[in-house]
Amino acid sequence: MNDLRGTTASAADLTTVSAFWKGAAKGTSISDDLVGVQRLHARDPHALLLARRGEELVGTVVAGFDGRRCHPYRLAVHSGHRRQGIGTALPAAAEERFAALGGRGADAMVLDGNEGARGAWGAAGYHPEDIWTRWVKPLTD
């Protein structure tokens, strides 16, 4: 029986999500802390998509949309729930959100060394681009 259900994060979920990323997600970002997750939620309360089995949080993806581009990122699945379709269902849910907002293409951020994530995004139909590299600059120390 498939008891997987998708929701958008509520304010009450944010502490749990921040802690979940520490165990389920590879790599860290300067904005993966609780303050960063709270800012995301305040700015776009429908961007953070969750997968649950019963009450347990088993996966996340951020479906960020800036009005022009669609940015799915922070795809994370609990290690005990991998290879069960969650890593496919979450990008599909993000794409549904993007389509409803008028998005026309999505670019996922995937760590080069994270083979599991590369496999999940590849299975969802994403591929690396050969023509550019992401450039970053921290705005805080």
Protein backbone atom coordinates (compact mmCIF):
# COMPACT_ATOMS: atom_id res chain seq x y z
CA MET A 1 0.00 0.00 0.00
CA ASN A 2 1.38 3.40 -0.94
CA ASP A 3 0.81 5.74 1.97
CA LEU A 4 3.03 8.51 0.58
CA ARG A 5 1.42 11.91 0.70
CA GLY A 6 2.66 15.27 -0.45
CA THR A 7 2.10 18.60 1.26
CA THR A 8 3.53 22.07 1.34
CA ALA A 9 5.44 22.93 4.48
CA SER A 10 3.70 24.87 7.21
CA ALA A 11 5.49 27.20 9.61
CA ALA A 12 5.30 24.41 12.20
CA ASP A 13 7.32 22.10 9.87
CA LEU A 14 10.35 24.35 9.43
CA THR A 15 12.42 23.20 12.41
CA THR A 16 11.82 19.59 11.40
CA VAL A 17 12.83 20.33 7.79
CA SER A 18 16.04 22.07 8.87
CA ALA A 19 16.98 19.08 11.05
CA PHE A 20 15.94 16.62 8.31
CA TRP A 21 18.33 18.22 5.82
CA LYS A 22 21.25 17.70 8.19
CA GLY A 23 20.77 13.93 7.98
CA ALA A 24 19.15 13.33 4.60
CA ALA A 25 20.75 15.93 2.32
CA LYS A 26 24.31 15.94 1.00
CA GLY A 27 26.26 19.17 1.09
CA THR A 28 25.25 22.31 2.88
CA SER A 29 24.33 25.77 1.81
CA ILE A 30 24.69 28.96 3.76
CA SER A 31 20.87 29.22 3.75
CA ASP A 32 20.06 25.66 4.90
CA ASP A 33 19.79 26.70 8.53
CA LEU A 34 16.49 27.39 10.29
CA VAL A 35 16.66 31.13 9.55
CA GLY A 36 17.13 30.41 5.84
CA VAL A 37 14.21 27.97 5.78
CA GLN A 38 12.03 30.49 7.61
CA ARG A 39 12.91 33.19 5.07
CA LEU A 40 12.06 30.86 2.20
CA HIS A 41 8.70 30.07 3.77
CA ALA A 42 7.93 33.72 4.48
CA ARG A 43 8.79 34.70 0.90
CA ASP A 44 6.99 31.80 -0.81
CA PRO A 45 5.00 29.59 1.56
CA HIS A 46 4.16 27.10 -1.22
CA ALA A 47 7.73 26.49 -2.45
CA LEU A 48 8.82 23.89 0.11
CA LEU A 49 7.24 20.56 -0.80
CA LEU A 50 7.26 17.65 1.63
CA ALA A 51 6.70 13.92 1.27
CA ARG A 52 5.37 12.08 4.31
CA ARG A 53 4.66 8.50 5.23
CA GLY A 54 2.09 8.75 7.96
CA GLU A 55 3.42 11.61 10.06
CA GLU A 56 7.09 10.94 9.23
CA LEU A 57 8.89 13.38 6.96
CA VAL A 58 10.60 11.24 4.30
CA GLY A 59 11.51 13.75 1.58
CA THR A 60 11.70 17.38 0.51
CA VAL A 61 12.21 19.51 -2.55
CA VAL A 62 12.16 23.27 -2.93
CA ALA A 63 10.21 24.39 -5.99
CA GLY A 64 11.49 27.94 -6.30
CA PHE A 65 10.00 30.20 -8.96
CA ASP A 66 11.15 33.77 -9.46
CA GLY A 67 8.48 34.68 -12.01
CA ARG A 68 10.71 33.71 -14.91
CA ARG A 69 12.76 30.64 -14.06
CA CYS A 70 11.93 27.44 -12.22
CA HIS A 71 14.51 26.21 -9.73
CA PRO A 72 13.97 22.84 -8.06
CA TYR A 73 16.58 22.16 -5.41
CA ARG A 74 17.20 20.58 -2.01
CA LEU A 75 15.80 17.25 -3.14
CA ALA A 76 16.41 15.06 -0.11
CA VAL A 77 15.03 11.64 0.75
CA HIS A 78 15.46 9.88 4.10
CA SER A 79 18.02 7.08 3.72
CA GLY A 80 15.53 4.47 4.96
CA HIS A 81 12.99 5.44 2.30
CA ARG A 82 15.15 5.65 -0.82
CA ARG A 83 14.46 3.65 -3.98
CA GLN A 84 10.71 3.82 -3.29
CA GLY A 85 9.71 6.51 -5.81
CA ILE A 86 9.98 9.53 -3.51
CA GLY A 87 12.89 10.98 -5.49
CA THR A 88 10.71 10.78 -8.60
CA ALA A 89 7.48 12.01 -7.00
CA LEU A 90 9.00 15.17 -5.51
CA PRO A 91 10.46 16.60 -8.77
CA ALA A 92 7.15 15.76 -10.48
CA ALA A 93 5.28 17.72 -7.78
CA ALA A 94 7.67 20.65 -8.27
CA GLU A 95 7.05 20.54 -12.02
CA GLU A 96 3.28 20.59 -11.44
CA ARG A 97 3.72 23.72 -9.36
CA PHE A 98 5.90 25.32 -12.02
CA ALA A 99 3.39 24.53 -14.77
CA ALA A 100 0.56 26.03 -12.71
CA LEU A 101 2.64 29.22 -12.32
CA GLY A 102 3.41 29.41 -16.04
CA GLY A 103 6.96 28.09 -15.86
CA ARG A 104 8.48 26.80 -19.10
CA GLY A 105 11.68 25.05 -18.06
CA ALA A 106 13.43 24.03 -14.89
CA ASP A 107 17.06 23.93 -13.85
CA ALA A 108 17.97 21.76 -10.88
CA MET A 109 21.02 22.34 -8.71
CA VAL A 110 22.81 19.01 -8.22
CA LEU A 111 26.12 18.40 -6.47
CA ASP A 112 28.62 16.95 -8.95
CA GLY A 113 29.87 14.37 -6.47
CA ASN A 114 26.46 13.20 -5.28
CA GLU A 115 25.88 10.15 -7.46
CA GLY A 116 22.55 9.35 -5.78
CA ALA A 117 21.20 12.81 -6.53
CA ARG A 118 22.55 12.72 -10.07
CA GLY A 119 20.72 9.43 -10.57
CA ALA A 120 17.47 10.75 -9.10
CA TRP A 121 17.50 13.93 -11.17
CA GLY A 122 18.49 11.97 -14.26
CA ALA A 123 15.60 9.56 -13.72
CA ALA A 124 13.31 12.60 -13.51
CA GLY A 125 14.49 13.72 -16.97
CA TYR A 126 17.12 16.31 -16.00
CA HIS A 127 20.63 16.43 -17.43
CA PRO A 128 23.74 18.55 -16.89
CA GLU A 129 24.35 21.43 -19.24
CA ASP A 130 27.67 21.58 -21.02
CA ILE A 131 27.70 25.31 -21.67
CA TRP A 132 27.85 26.86 -18.21
CA THR A 133 28.84 26.48 -14.61
CA ARG A 134 27.07 27.97 -11.63
CA TRP A 135 29.00 30.88 -10.11
CA VAL A 136 28.39 31.76 -6.46
CA LYS A 137 29.28 34.49 -4.01
CA PRO A 138 28.43 34.39 -0.29
CA LEU A 139 26.86 37.63 0.88
CA THR A 140 27.61 37.01 4.55
CA ASP A 141 30.64 35.68 6.44
